[in-house]
Amino acid sequence: MTRFTRAELESFRDAEVPDLLPGQDDPPLLLLFVGINPGLWTAATSTHFAHPGNRFYPALLRAGILTEPVDPAAGMSEVDRDRLRSAGIGITNVVRRATAKASELDPEELRAGGAELAALVRRTRPTVVAIAGITAYRTAFGHPQAVMGRQPEVGGGPFEGTDLWVVPNPSGLNAHETVDTLAAAYAEPARAAGVL
């Protein structure tokens, strides 16, 4: 397994990780997963949700969204990326800059990231957006009472008709979630998007 020293990881603080989005010759974007912001491991490998303790890819596999396992800790291969793009799946973040913890982001930064995300959604027109993190969603979009699941602003709000879901964050720090509960939560927007 790839390992980084603390100093190596720190050198990626504030780095940006490119979005994983379909290219011109790929099928249309059906499902856009949105993390809060890249962690340092993600920035070091240029792979979203890459920390070894993150359950994102195991949950996608368990849900049937992925058919092949992905070991992102060393960085996704182009084959892995192509599999996601060809399935109509993309990945981005609310805030682009890498930090050691999402708690390092302030509310203003989350709100600005929310506006950037809304612009990305208008450009890419996914069928479904799934934001992984209820607290970040509440802050970024000014919905302090929002709950997990499908959001009621379909047809309006910042995403102009795109089906919007909020799902649990797959970070290992989110200890009350398991791969099974995450898989169940991620399968719902995937079904709504036509990925499952």
N, C-alpha and C. Protein backbone atom coordinates (compact mmCIF):
# COMPACT_ATOMS: atom_id res chain seq x y z
N MET A 1 0.85 -1.19 0.00
CA MET A 1 0.00 0.00 0.00
C MET A 1 0.88 1.24 0.00
N THR A 2 0.46 2.24 -0.71
CA THR A 2 1.18 3.51 -0.73
C THR A 2 1.14 4.15 0.64
N ARG A 3 2.24 4.71 1.05
CA ARG A 3 2.30 5.42 2.33
C ARG A 3 2.91 6.78 2.11
N PHE A 4 2.44 7.76 2.87
CA PHE A 4 2.99 9.10 2.81
C PHE A 4 3.40 9.51 4.21
N THR A 5 4.47 10.27 4.32
CA THR A 5 4.82 10.85 5.62
C THR A 5 3.90 12.04 5.86
N ARG A 6 3.81 12.46 7.10
CA ARG A 6 3.00 13.63 7.44
C ARG A 6 3.49 14.84 6.64
N ALA A 7 4.81 15.00 6.50
CA ALA A 7 5.35 16.13 5.75
C ALA A 7 4.96 16.05 4.27
N GLU A 8 5.00 14.85 3.71
CA GLU A 8 4.60 14.70 2.31
C GLU A 8 3.13 15.09 2.13
N LEU A 9 2.29 14.62 3.02
CA LEU A 9 0.87 14.97 2.92
C LEU A 9 0.66 16.47 3.10
N GLU A 10 1.33 17.06 4.07
CA GLU A 10 1.19 18.50 4.31
C GLU A 10 1.57 19.32 3.09
N SER A 11 2.47 18.81 2.27
CA SER A 11 2.89 19.56 1.09
C SER A 11 1.74 19.70 0.08
N PHE A 12 0.65 18.93 0.27
CA PHE A 12 -0.50 19.01 -0.63
C PHE A 12 -1.61 19.89 -0.09
N ARG A 13 -1.38 20.52 1.06
CA ARG A 13 -2.39 21.42 1.63
C ARG A 13 -2.71 22.51 0.61
N ASP A 14 -4.00 22.77 0.44
CA ASP A 14 -4.53 23.80 -0.48
C ASP A 14 -4.44 23.41 -1.96
N ALA A 15 -3.91 22.22 -2.27
CA ALA A 15 -3.88 21.77 -3.67
C ALA A 15 -5.31 21.49 -4.13
N GLU A 16 -5.51 21.50 -5.44
CA GLU A 16 -6.81 21.16 -6.01
C GLU A 16 -6.72 19.82 -6.73
N VAL A 17 -7.80 19.09 -6.71
CA VAL A 17 -7.87 17.79 -7.38
C VAL A 17 -8.82 17.94 -8.56
N PRO A 18 -8.40 17.53 -9.74
CA PRO A 18 -9.28 17.68 -10.90
C PRO A 18 -10.57 16.89 -10.73
N ASP A 19 -11.66 17.46 -11.23
CA ASP A 19 -12.94 16.74 -11.22
C ASP A 19 -12.83 15.52 -12.12
N LEU A 20 -13.56 14.49 -11.78
CA LEU A 20 -13.70 13.33 -12.65
C LEU A 20 -15.05 13.49 -13.35
N LEU A 21 -15.00 13.89 -14.61
CA LEU A 21 -16.21 14.15 -15.37
C LEU A 21 -16.10 13.48 -16.73
N PRO A 22 -17.24 13.10 -17.33
CA PRO A 22 -17.20 12.51 -18.66
C PRO A 22 -16.58 13.47 -19.68
N GLY A 23 -15.83 12.90 -20.60
CA GLY A 23 -15.27 13.68 -21.70
C GLY A 23 -16.25 13.75 -22.85
N GLN A 24 -15.82 14.39 -23.90
CA GLN A 24 -16.67 14.62 -25.07
C GLN A 24 -17.19 13.32 -25.69
N ASP A 25 -16.40 12.26 -25.65
CA ASP A 25 -16.79 10.99 -26.28
C ASP A 25 -17.43 10.00 -25.31
N ASP A 26 -17.62 10.42 -24.05
CA ASP A 26 -18.21 9.54 -23.04
C ASP A 26 -19.73 9.70 -23.01
N PRO A 27 -20.43 8.73 -22.41
CA PRO A 27 -21.87 8.89 -22.22
C PRO A 27 -22.16 10.12 -21.35
N PRO A 28 -23.39 10.61 -21.37
CA PRO A 28 -23.72 11.79 -20.57
C PRO A 28 -23.57 11.51 -19.07
N LEU A 29 -23.41 12.59 -18.32
CA LEU A 29 -23.27 12.51 -16.87
C LEU A 29 -24.64 12.24 -16.25
N LEU A 30 -24.76 11.08 -15.62
CA LEU A 30 -26.01 10.69 -14.97
C LEU A 30 -25.99 11.00 -13.48
N LEU A 31 -24.88 10.69 -12.83
CA LEU A 31 -24.79 10.79 -11.37
C LEU A 31 -23.49 11.49 -11.00
N LEU A 32 -23.61 12.63 -10.34
CA LEU A 32 -22.44 13.39 -9.88
C LEU A 32 -22.36 13.29 -8.37
N PHE A 33 -21.34 12.55 -7.88
CA PHE A 33 -21.07 12.50 -6.45
C PHE A 33 -20.24 13.72 -6.07
N VAL A 34 -20.58 14.32 -4.92
CA VAL A 34 -19.91 15.54 -4.48
C VAL A 34 -19.41 15.34 -3.06
N GLY A 35 -18.08 15.39 -2.89
CA GLY A 35 -17.50 15.36 -1.56
C GLY A 35 -17.48 16.76 -0.96
N ILE A 36 -17.07 16.87 0.28
CA ILE A 36 -16.99 18.18 0.93
C ILE A 36 -15.80 18.94 0.35
N ASN A 37 -14.62 18.37 0.50
CA ASN A 37 -13.40 18.92 -0.10
C ASN A 37 -12.35 17.82 -0.09
N PRO A 38 -11.30 17.95 -0.91
CA PRO A 38 -10.29 16.90 -0.94
C PRO A 38 -9.51 16.85 0.37
N GLY A 39 -9.23 15.64 0.82
CA GLY A 39 -8.29 15.47 1.92
C GLY A 39 -6.87 15.50 1.35
N LEU A 40 -5.89 15.49 2.23
CA LEU A 40 -4.49 15.56 1.79
C LEU A 40 -4.11 14.31 1.00
N TRP A 41 -4.62 13.15 1.40
CA TRP A 41 -4.31 11.91 0.67
C TRP A 41 -4.91 11.97 -0.73
N THR A 42 -6.13 12.48 -0.81
CA THR A 42 -6.78 12.66 -2.11
C THR A 42 -5.94 13.55 -3.01
N ALA A 43 -5.45 14.66 -2.45
CA ALA A 43 -4.62 15.58 -3.24
C ALA A 43 -3.31 14.91 -3.65
N ALA A 44 -2.72 14.11 -2.76
CA ALA A 44 -1.44 13.46 -3.05
C ALA A 44 -1.58 12.44 -4.19
N THR A 45 -2.74 11.83 -4.31
CA THR A 45 -2.95 10.79 -5.34
C THR A 45 -3.81 11.26 -6.52
N SER A 46 -4.31 12.50 -6.45
CA SER A 46 -5.25 13.02 -7.47
C SER A 46 -6.43 12.07 -7.68
N THR A 47 -6.90 11.50 -6.58
CA THR A 47 -8.02 10.56 -6.62
C THR A 47 -9.00 10.90 -5.51
N HIS A 48 -10.22 11.22 -5.88
CA HIS A 48 -11.25 11.57 -4.90
C HIS A 48 -11.50 10.41 -3.93
N PHE A 49 -11.77 10.75 -2.67
CA PHE A 49 -12.11 9.77 -1.64
C PHE A 49 -11.01 8.71 -1.48
N ALA A 50 -9.74 9.13 -1.57
CA ALA A 50 -8.64 8.17 -1.66
C ALA A 50 -8.09 7.67 -0.33
N HIS A 51 -8.38 8.33 0.77
CA HIS A 51 -7.78 7.89 2.04
C HIS A 51 -8.11 6.42 2.29
N PRO A 52 -7.13 5.64 2.75
CA PRO A 52 -7.38 4.20 2.96
C PRO A 52 -8.56 3.90 3.89
N GLY A 53 -8.89 4.80 4.81
CA GLY A 53 -10.02 4.58 5.72
C GLY A 53 -11.36 5.00 5.15
N ASN A 54 -11.36 5.57 3.96
CA ASN A 54 -12.61 6.03 3.35
C ASN A 54 -13.35 4.84 2.75
N ARG A 55 -14.67 4.82 2.95
CA ARG A 55 -15.48 3.67 2.50
C ARG A 55 -16.24 3.94 1.20
N PHE A 56 -15.92 5.02 0.47
CA PHE A 56 -16.68 5.38 -0.72
C PHE A 56 -16.69 4.27 -1.77
N TYR A 57 -15.51 3.84 -2.21
CA TYR A 57 -15.45 2.83 -3.29
C TYR A 57 -15.96 1.46 -2.84
N PRO A 58 -15.64 1.00 -1.61
CA PRO A 58 -16.25 -0.26 -1.16
C PRO A 58 -17.79 -0.18 -1.12
N ALA A 59 -18.33 0.99 -0.74
CA ALA A 59 -19.78 1.14 -0.70
C ALA A 59 -20.37 1.13 -2.11
N LEU A 60 -19.70 1.78 -3.07
CA LEU A 60 -20.18 1.75 -4.45
C LEU A 60 -20.18 0.33 -5.00
N LEU A 61 -19.13 -0.43 -4.66
CA LEU A 61 -19.05 -1.82 -5.11
C LEU A 61 -20.18 -2.65 -4.48
N ARG A 62 -20.37 -2.50 -3.17
CA ARG A 62 -21.42 -3.25 -2.47
C ARG A 62 -22.80 -2.91 -3.02
N ALA A 63 -23.01 -1.65 -3.41
CA ALA A 63 -24.31 -1.22 -3.93
C ALA A 63 -24.54 -1.70 -5.36
N GLY A 64 -23.46 -2.14 -6.04
CA GLY A 64 -23.59 -2.54 -7.43
C GLY A 64 -23.38 -1.40 -8.41
N ILE A 65 -23.03 -0.23 -7.90
CA ILE A 65 -22.76 0.93 -8.76
C ILE A 65 -21.46 0.70 -9.53
N LEU A 66 -20.48 0.11 -8.85
CA LEU A 66 -19.25 -0.35 -9.49
C LEU A 66 -19.32 -1.87 -9.61
N THR A 67 -18.72 -2.40 -10.67
CA THR A 67 -18.68 -3.85 -10.83
C THR A 67 -17.29 -4.40 -10.58
N GLU A 68 -16.30 -3.53 -10.51
CA GLU A 68 -14.91 -3.93 -10.24
C GLU A 68 -14.42 -3.12 -9.04
N PRO A 69 -13.65 -3.73 -8.13
CA PRO A 69 -13.14 -2.97 -7.00
C PRO A 69 -12.15 -1.90 -7.45
N VAL A 70 -12.13 -0.81 -6.69
CA VAL A 70 -11.17 0.28 -6.92
C VAL A 70 -10.34 0.41 -5.65
N ASP A 71 -9.03 0.39 -5.80
CA ASP A 71 -8.14 0.65 -4.67
C ASP A 71 -7.54 2.03 -4.89
N PRO A 72 -8.21 3.07 -4.39
CA PRO A 72 -7.79 4.42 -4.72
C PRO A 72 -6.57 4.91 -3.94
N ALA A 73 -6.15 4.20 -2.89
CA ALA A 73 -5.11 4.73 -2.01
C ALA A 73 -3.81 5.05 -2.74
N ALA A 74 -3.53 4.34 -3.81
CA ALA A 74 -2.33 4.62 -4.59
C ALA A 74 -2.64 5.52 -5.79
N GLY A 75 -3.90 5.87 -5.95
CA GLY A 75 -4.34 6.67 -7.09
C GLY A 75 -5.07 5.79 -8.08
N MET A 76 -6.20 6.26 -8.58
CA MET A 76 -6.99 5.48 -9.53
C MET A 76 -6.22 5.34 -10.83
N SER A 77 -6.39 4.20 -11.45
CA SER A 77 -5.81 3.99 -12.78
C SER A 77 -6.73 4.65 -13.81
N GLU A 78 -6.22 4.85 -15.01
CA GLU A 78 -7.06 5.39 -16.08
C GLU A 78 -8.19 4.42 -16.40
N VAL A 79 -7.95 3.13 -16.24
CA VAL A 79 -9.02 2.14 -16.45
C VAL A 79 -10.14 2.37 -15.45
N ASP A 80 -9.78 2.61 -14.17
CA ASP A 80 -10.79 2.90 -13.14
C ASP A 80 -11.58 4.15 -13.51
N ARG A 81 -10.87 5.19 -13.90
CA ARG A 81 -11.53 6.46 -14.26
C ARG A 81 -12.45 6.26 -15.46
N ASP A 82 -11.98 5.51 -16.46
CA ASP A 82 -12.79 5.26 -17.65
C ASP A 82 -14.05 4.48 -17.31
N ARG A 83 -13.94 3.53 -16.37
CA ARG A 83 -15.11 2.75 -15.96
C ARG A 83 -16.19 3.66 -15.38
N LEU A 84 -15.77 4.59 -14.52
CA LEU A 84 -16.73 5.51 -13.92
C LEU A 84 -17.34 6.42 -14.99
N ARG A 85 -16.49 7.01 -15.81
CA ARG A 85 -17.00 7.93 -16.85
C ARG A 85 -17.95 7.20 -17.80
N SER A 86 -17.60 5.96 -18.20
CA SER A 86 -18.44 5.24 -19.15
C SER A 86 -19.77 4.83 -18.52
N ALA A 87 -19.82 4.78 -17.19
CA ALA A 87 -21.08 4.49 -16.50
C ALA A 87 -21.90 5.75 -16.27
N GLY A 88 -21.37 6.92 -16.68
CA GLY A 88 -22.08 8.18 -16.48
C GLY A 88 -21.93 8.74 -15.08
N ILE A 89 -20.84 8.35 -14.40
CA ILE A 89 -20.60 8.79 -13.02
C ILE A 89 -19.45 9.80 -13.00
N GLY A 90 -19.66 10.89 -12.25
CA GLY A 90 -18.63 11.90 -12.05
C GLY A 90 -18.42 12.15 -10.57
N ILE A 91 -17.29 12.79 -10.24
CA ILE A 91 -16.97 13.12 -8.85
C ILE A 91 -16.37 14.52 -8.81
N THR A 92 -16.83 15.32 -7.85
CA THR A 92 -16.29 16.65 -7.61
C THR A 92 -16.39 16.94 -6.11
N ASN A 93 -16.15 18.18 -5.72
CA ASN A 93 -16.24 18.59 -4.32
C ASN A 93 -16.94 19.94 -4.21
N VAL A 94 -17.49 20.22 -3.03
CA VAL A 94 -18.08 21.53 -2.78
C VAL A 94 -16.96 22.57 -2.77
N VAL A 95 -15.90 22.29 -2.03
CA VAL A 95 -14.74 23.19 -1.96
C VAL A 95 -13.57 22.48 -2.62
N ARG A 96 -12.84 23.20 -3.44
CA ARG A 96 -11.79 22.58 -4.25
C ARG A 96 -10.48 22.35 -3.49
N ARG A 97 -10.17 23.16 -2.49
CA ARG A 97 -8.83 23.07 -1.89
C ARG A 97 -8.74 21.96 -0.84
N ALA A 98 -7.57 21.34 -0.81
CA ALA A 98 -7.33 20.22 0.12
C ALA A 98 -6.99 20.72 1.51
N THR A 99 -7.55 20.03 2.50
CA THR A 99 -7.22 20.28 3.91
C THR A 99 -7.08 18.92 4.60
N ALA A 100 -6.51 18.95 5.80
CA ALA A 100 -6.39 17.71 6.57
C ALA A 100 -7.77 17.25 7.05
N LYS A 101 -8.65 18.21 7.40
CA LYS A 101 -10.00 17.88 7.87
C LYS A 101 -10.98 18.88 7.28
N ALA A 102 -12.19 18.41 7.02
CA ALA A 102 -13.23 19.30 6.49
C ALA A 102 -13.57 20.41 7.49
N SER A 103 -13.33 20.18 8.77
CA SER A 103 -13.63 21.19 9.79
C SER A 103 -12.75 22.43 9.65
N GLU A 104 -11.71 22.37 8.81
CA GLU A 104 -10.86 23.54 8.58
C GLU A 104 -11.52 24.55 7.64
N LEU A 105 -12.62 24.16 7.00
CA LEU A 105 -13.32 25.07 6.09
C LEU A 105 -14.26 25.97 6.87
N ASP A 106 -14.32 27.25 6.49
CA ASP A 106 -15.25 28.14 7.18
C ASP A 106 -16.55 28.25 6.38
N PRO A 107 -17.62 28.73 7.01
CA PRO A 107 -18.92 28.79 6.33
C PRO A 107 -18.88 29.60 5.03
N GLU A 108 -18.14 30.68 5.00
CA GLU A 108 -18.06 31.50 3.79
C GLU A 108 -17.45 30.70 2.63
N GLU A 109 -16.42 29.91 2.94
CA GLU A 109 -15.79 29.09 1.91
C GLU A 109 -16.76 28.02 1.39
N LEU A 110 -17.55 27.44 2.28
CA LEU A 110 -18.55 26.44 1.87
C LEU A 110 -19.63 27.08 1.00
N ARG A 111 -20.08 28.29 1.37
CA ARG A 111 -21.10 28.96 0.56
C ARG A 111 -20.56 29.31 -0.82
N ALA A 112 -19.32 29.80 -0.89
CA ALA A 112 -18.71 30.11 -2.19
C ALA A 112 -18.56 28.83 -3.02
N GLY A 113 -18.17 27.74 -2.37
CA GLY A 113 -18.06 26.46 -3.07
C GLY A 113 -19.41 25.97 -3.56
N GLY A 114 -20.45 26.22 -2.78
CA GLY A 114 -21.80 25.84 -3.20
C GLY A 114 -22.21 26.57 -4.47
N ALA A 115 -21.86 27.84 -4.56
CA ALA A 115 -22.17 28.61 -5.77
C ALA A 115 -21.39 28.07 -6.97
N GLU A 116 -20.12 27.70 -6.75
CA GLU A 116 -19.32 27.12 -7.84
C GLU A 116 -19.89 25.76 -8.27
N LEU A 117 -20.34 24.97 -7.30
CA LEU A 117 -20.94 23.67 -7.62
C LEU A 117 -22.20 23.86 -8.45
N ALA A 118 -23.04 24.82 -8.07
CA ALA A 118 -24.26 25.08 -8.83
C ALA A 118 -23.93 25.44 -10.28
N ALA A 119 -22.87 26.22 -10.49
CA ALA A 119 -22.46 26.58 -11.85
C ALA A 119 -21.98 25.35 -12.61
N LEU A 120 -21.22 24.47 -11.94
CA LEU A 120 -20.76 23.23 -12.58
C LEU A 120 -21.95 22.37 -12.98
N VAL A 121 -22.94 22.26 -12.12
CA VAL A 121 -24.13 21.45 -12.42
C VAL A 121 -24.88 22.04 -13.62
N ARG A 122 -24.97 23.36 -13.68
CA ARG A 122 -25.64 23.98 -14.84
C ARG A 122 -24.88 23.67 -16.14
N ARG A 123 -23.54 23.62 -16.06
CA ARG A 123 -22.74 23.33 -17.27
C ARG A 123 -22.82 21.87 -17.67
N THR A 124 -22.76 20.95 -16.70
CA THR A 124 -22.63 19.52 -17.01
C THR A 124 -23.97 18.79 -17.05
N ARG A 125 -25.03 19.36 -16.46
CA ARG A 125 -26.39 18.83 -16.52
C ARG A 125 -26.52 17.36 -16.12
N PRO A 126 -26.00 16.96 -14.94
CA PRO A 126 -26.21 15.57 -14.52
C PRO A 126 -27.70 15.33 -14.22
N THR A 127 -28.10 14.07 -14.29
CA THR A 127 -29.47 13.72 -13.93
C THR A 127 -29.67 13.85 -12.43
N VAL A 128 -28.67 13.39 -11.66
CA VAL A 128 -28.74 13.41 -10.20
C VAL A 128 -27.42 13.92 -9.63
N VAL A 129 -27.52 14.73 -8.58
CA VAL A 129 -26.36 15.15 -7.79
C VAL A 129 -26.52 14.54 -6.41
N ALA A 130 -25.47 13.90 -5.90
CA ALA A 130 -25.49 13.31 -4.55
C ALA A 130 -24.35 13.93 -3.74
N ILE A 131 -24.71 14.78 -2.79
CA ILE A 131 -23.72 15.46 -1.95
C ILE A 131 -23.49 14.62 -0.71
N ALA A 132 -22.23 14.25 -0.47
CA ALA A 132 -21.87 13.37 0.64
C ALA A 132 -21.47 14.20 1.86
N GLY A 133 -22.46 14.58 2.65
CA GLY A 133 -22.18 15.33 3.87
C GLY A 133 -23.29 16.31 4.18
N ILE A 134 -24.14 16.00 5.15
CA ILE A 134 -25.30 16.83 5.47
C ILE A 134 -24.89 18.18 6.06
N THR A 135 -23.89 18.22 6.91
CA THR A 135 -23.50 19.49 7.54
C THR A 135 -22.96 20.46 6.51
N ALA A 136 -22.12 19.98 5.61
CA ALA A 136 -21.58 20.84 4.56
C ALA A 136 -22.71 21.32 3.65
N TYR A 137 -23.65 20.45 3.31
CA TYR A 137 -24.78 20.85 2.47
C TYR A 137 -25.59 21.95 3.15
N ARG A 138 -25.91 21.76 4.42
CA ARG A 138 -26.71 22.76 5.15
C ARG A 138 -26.05 24.13 5.10
N THR A 139 -24.74 24.16 5.30
CA THR A 139 -24.01 25.42 5.31
C THR A 139 -23.86 26.00 3.91
N ALA A 140 -23.45 25.17 2.95
CA ALA A 140 -23.17 25.66 1.60
C ALA A 140 -24.41 26.21 0.92
N PHE A 141 -25.57 25.64 1.22
CA PHE A 141 -26.78 26.03 0.50
C PHE A 141 -27.83 26.69 1.38
N GLY A 142 -27.47 26.98 2.64
CA GLY A 142 -28.37 27.72 3.51
C GLY A 142 -29.65 26.99 3.87
N HIS A 143 -29.55 25.67 4.07
CA HIS A 143 -30.71 24.86 4.47
C HIS A 143 -30.40 24.20 5.81
N PRO A 144 -30.45 24.97 6.91
CA PRO A 144 -30.02 24.43 8.21
C PRO A 144 -30.85 23.27 8.73
N GLN A 145 -32.07 23.10 8.22
CA GLN A 145 -32.94 22.01 8.70
C GLN A 145 -32.95 20.81 7.75
N ALA A 146 -32.13 20.83 6.71
CA ALA A 146 -32.12 19.73 5.73
C ALA A 146 -31.84 18.40 6.40
N VAL A 147 -32.44 17.35 5.86
CA VAL A 147 -32.20 15.99 6.34
C VAL A 147 -31.64 15.16 5.18
N MET A 148 -31.11 14.01 5.52
CA MET A 148 -30.56 13.11 4.50
C MET A 148 -31.64 12.69 3.51
N GLY A 149 -31.20 12.32 2.31
CA GLY A 149 -32.11 11.80 1.31
C GLY A 149 -32.37 12.80 0.20
N ARG A 150 -33.41 12.53 -0.55
CA ARG A 150 -33.79 13.39 -1.68
C ARG A 150 -34.25 14.74 -1.14
N GLN A 151 -33.77 15.80 -1.76
CA GLN A 151 -34.10 17.14 -1.31
C GLN A 151 -35.34 17.66 -2.04
N PRO A 152 -36.14 18.47 -1.36
CA PRO A 152 -37.42 18.91 -1.94
C PRO A 152 -37.30 19.98 -3.00
N GLU A 153 -36.10 20.46 -3.31
CA GLU A 153 -35.99 21.58 -4.24
C GLU A 153 -35.86 21.15 -5.70
N VAL A 154 -36.31 19.94 -6.03
CA VAL A 154 -36.27 19.49 -7.42
C VAL A 154 -37.08 20.47 -8.27
N GLY A 155 -36.51 20.89 -9.38
CA GLY A 155 -37.20 21.84 -10.26
C GLY A 155 -36.90 23.28 -9.92
N GLY A 156 -36.22 23.51 -8.82
CA GLY A 156 -35.89 24.88 -8.43
C GLY A 156 -34.58 24.87 -7.68
N GLY A 157 -34.32 25.88 -6.92
CA GLY A 157 -33.09 25.95 -6.16
C GLY A 157 -31.88 26.09 -7.06
N PRO A 158 -30.70 25.89 -6.49
CA PRO A 158 -29.47 26.16 -7.25
C PRO A 158 -29.20 25.16 -8.38
N PHE A 159 -29.88 24.04 -8.40
CA PHE A 159 -29.56 23.01 -9.37
C PHE A 159 -30.56 22.93 -10.53
N GLU A 160 -31.51 23.84 -10.58
CA GLU A 160 -32.39 24.01 -11.74
C GLU A 160 -32.94 22.72 -12.32
N GLY A 161 -33.60 21.94 -11.49
CA GLY A 161 -34.26 20.75 -12.00
C GLY A 161 -33.49 19.46 -11.86
N THR A 162 -32.21 19.53 -11.56
CA THR A 162 -31.44 18.31 -11.32
C THR A 162 -31.91 17.71 -10.00
N ASP A 163 -32.09 16.41 -10.00
CA ASP A 163 -32.52 15.68 -8.80
C ASP A 163 -31.38 15.74 -7.78
N LEU A 164 -31.66 16.25 -6.60
CA LEU A 164 -30.62 16.48 -5.59
C LEU A 164 -30.84 15.58 -4.38
N TRP A 165 -29.77 14.88 -4.00
CA TRP A 165 -29.79 14.00 -2.83
C TRP A 165 -28.64 14.41 -1.90
N VAL A 166 -28.85 14.23 -0.61
CA VAL A 166 -27.77 14.34 0.36
C VAL A 166 -27.60 12.96 0.98
N VAL A 167 -26.37 12.45 0.92
CA VAL A 167 -26.05 11.11 1.40
C VAL A 167 -24.97 11.21 2.46
N PRO A 168 -24.77 10.17 3.26
CA PRO A 168 -23.76 10.22 4.32
C PRO A 168 -22.34 10.33 3.75
N ASN A 169 -21.51 11.03 4.50
CA ASN A 169 -20.10 11.14 4.15
C ASN A 169 -19.42 9.80 4.42
N PRO A 170 -18.59 9.31 3.46
CA PRO A 170 -17.97 7.99 3.62
C PRO A 170 -16.68 7.98 4.43
N SER A 171 -16.27 9.13 4.94
CA SER A 171 -15.03 9.21 5.71
C SER A 171 -15.05 8.23 6.88
N GLY A 172 -13.90 7.68 7.19
CA GLY A 172 -13.78 6.82 8.36
C GLY A 172 -14.11 7.55 9.65
N LEU A 173 -14.05 8.89 9.63
CA LEU A 173 -14.41 9.68 10.81
C LEU A 173 -15.91 9.65 11.08
N ASN A 174 -16.71 9.29 10.08
CA ASN A 174 -18.16 9.18 10.23
C ASN A 174 -18.46 7.77 10.74
N ALA A 175 -18.17 7.56 12.02
CA ALA A 175 -18.10 6.20 12.58
C ALA A 175 -19.44 5.47 12.64
N HIS A 176 -20.57 6.18 12.66
CA HIS A 176 -21.84 5.45 12.78
C HIS A 176 -22.32 4.89 11.44
N GLU A 177 -21.59 5.16 10.36
CA GLU A 177 -21.93 4.56 9.06
C GLU A 177 -21.03 3.36 8.81
N THR A 178 -21.57 2.37 8.09
CA THR A 178 -20.79 1.21 7.69
C THR A 178 -20.81 1.12 6.15
N VAL A 179 -20.02 0.24 5.60
CA VAL A 179 -20.06 0.04 4.15
C VAL A 179 -21.48 -0.33 3.72
N ASP A 180 -22.16 -1.16 4.51
CA ASP A 180 -23.53 -1.57 4.16
C ASP A 180 -24.51 -0.40 4.19
N THR A 181 -24.45 0.44 5.22
CA THR A 181 -25.40 1.55 5.29
C THR A 181 -25.08 2.59 4.22
N LEU A 182 -23.80 2.78 3.93
CA LEU A 182 -23.42 3.70 2.86
C LEU A 182 -23.88 3.17 1.51
N ALA A 183 -23.71 1.86 1.29
CA ALA A 183 -24.15 1.25 0.03
C ALA A 183 -25.64 1.47 -0.18
N ALA A 184 -26.42 1.27 0.86
CA ALA A 184 -27.87 1.47 0.76
C ALA A 184 -28.19 2.93 0.44
N ALA A 185 -27.50 3.85 1.10
CA ALA A 185 -27.75 5.28 0.87
C ALA A 185 -27.33 5.70 -0.53
N TYR A 186 -26.24 5.16 -1.05
CA TYR A 186 -25.74 5.56 -2.38
C TYR A 186 -26.55 4.90 -3.50
N ALA A 187 -27.15 3.75 -3.21
CA ALA A 187 -27.96 3.07 -4.22
C ALA A 187 -29.20 3.87 -4.59
N GLU A 188 -29.76 4.62 -3.63
CA GLU A 188 -30.99 5.39 -3.92
C GLU A 188 -30.79 6.43 -5.01
N PRO A 189 -29.81 7.35 -4.89
CA PRO A 189 -29.62 8.30 -5.99
C PRO A 189 -29.14 7.61 -7.27
N ALA A 190 -28.42 6.51 -7.14
CA ALA A 190 -27.96 5.78 -8.34
C ALA A 190 -29.16 5.22 -9.10
N ARG A 191 -30.15 4.71 -8.37
CA ARG A 191 -31.38 4.24 -9.04
C ARG A 191 -32.13 5.40 -9.68
N ALA A 192 -32.19 6.52 -8.98
CA ALA A 192 -32.89 7.70 -9.52
C ALA A 192 -32.21 8.21 -10.79
N ALA A 193 -30.88 8.01 -10.86
CA ALA A 193 -30.11 8.47 -12.03
C ALA A 193 -30.13 7.48 -13.18
N GLY A 194 -30.61 6.26 -12.92
CA GLY A 194 -30.60 5.23 -13.96
C GLY A 194 -29.26 4.51 -14.06
N VAL A 195 -28.41 4.68 -13.05
CA VAL A 195 -27.12 3.97 -13.02
C VAL A 195 -27.33 2.54 -12.55
N LEU A 196 -28.29 2.32 -11.67
CA LEU A 196 -28.65 0.96 -11.19
C LEU A 196 -30.00 0.57 -11.75
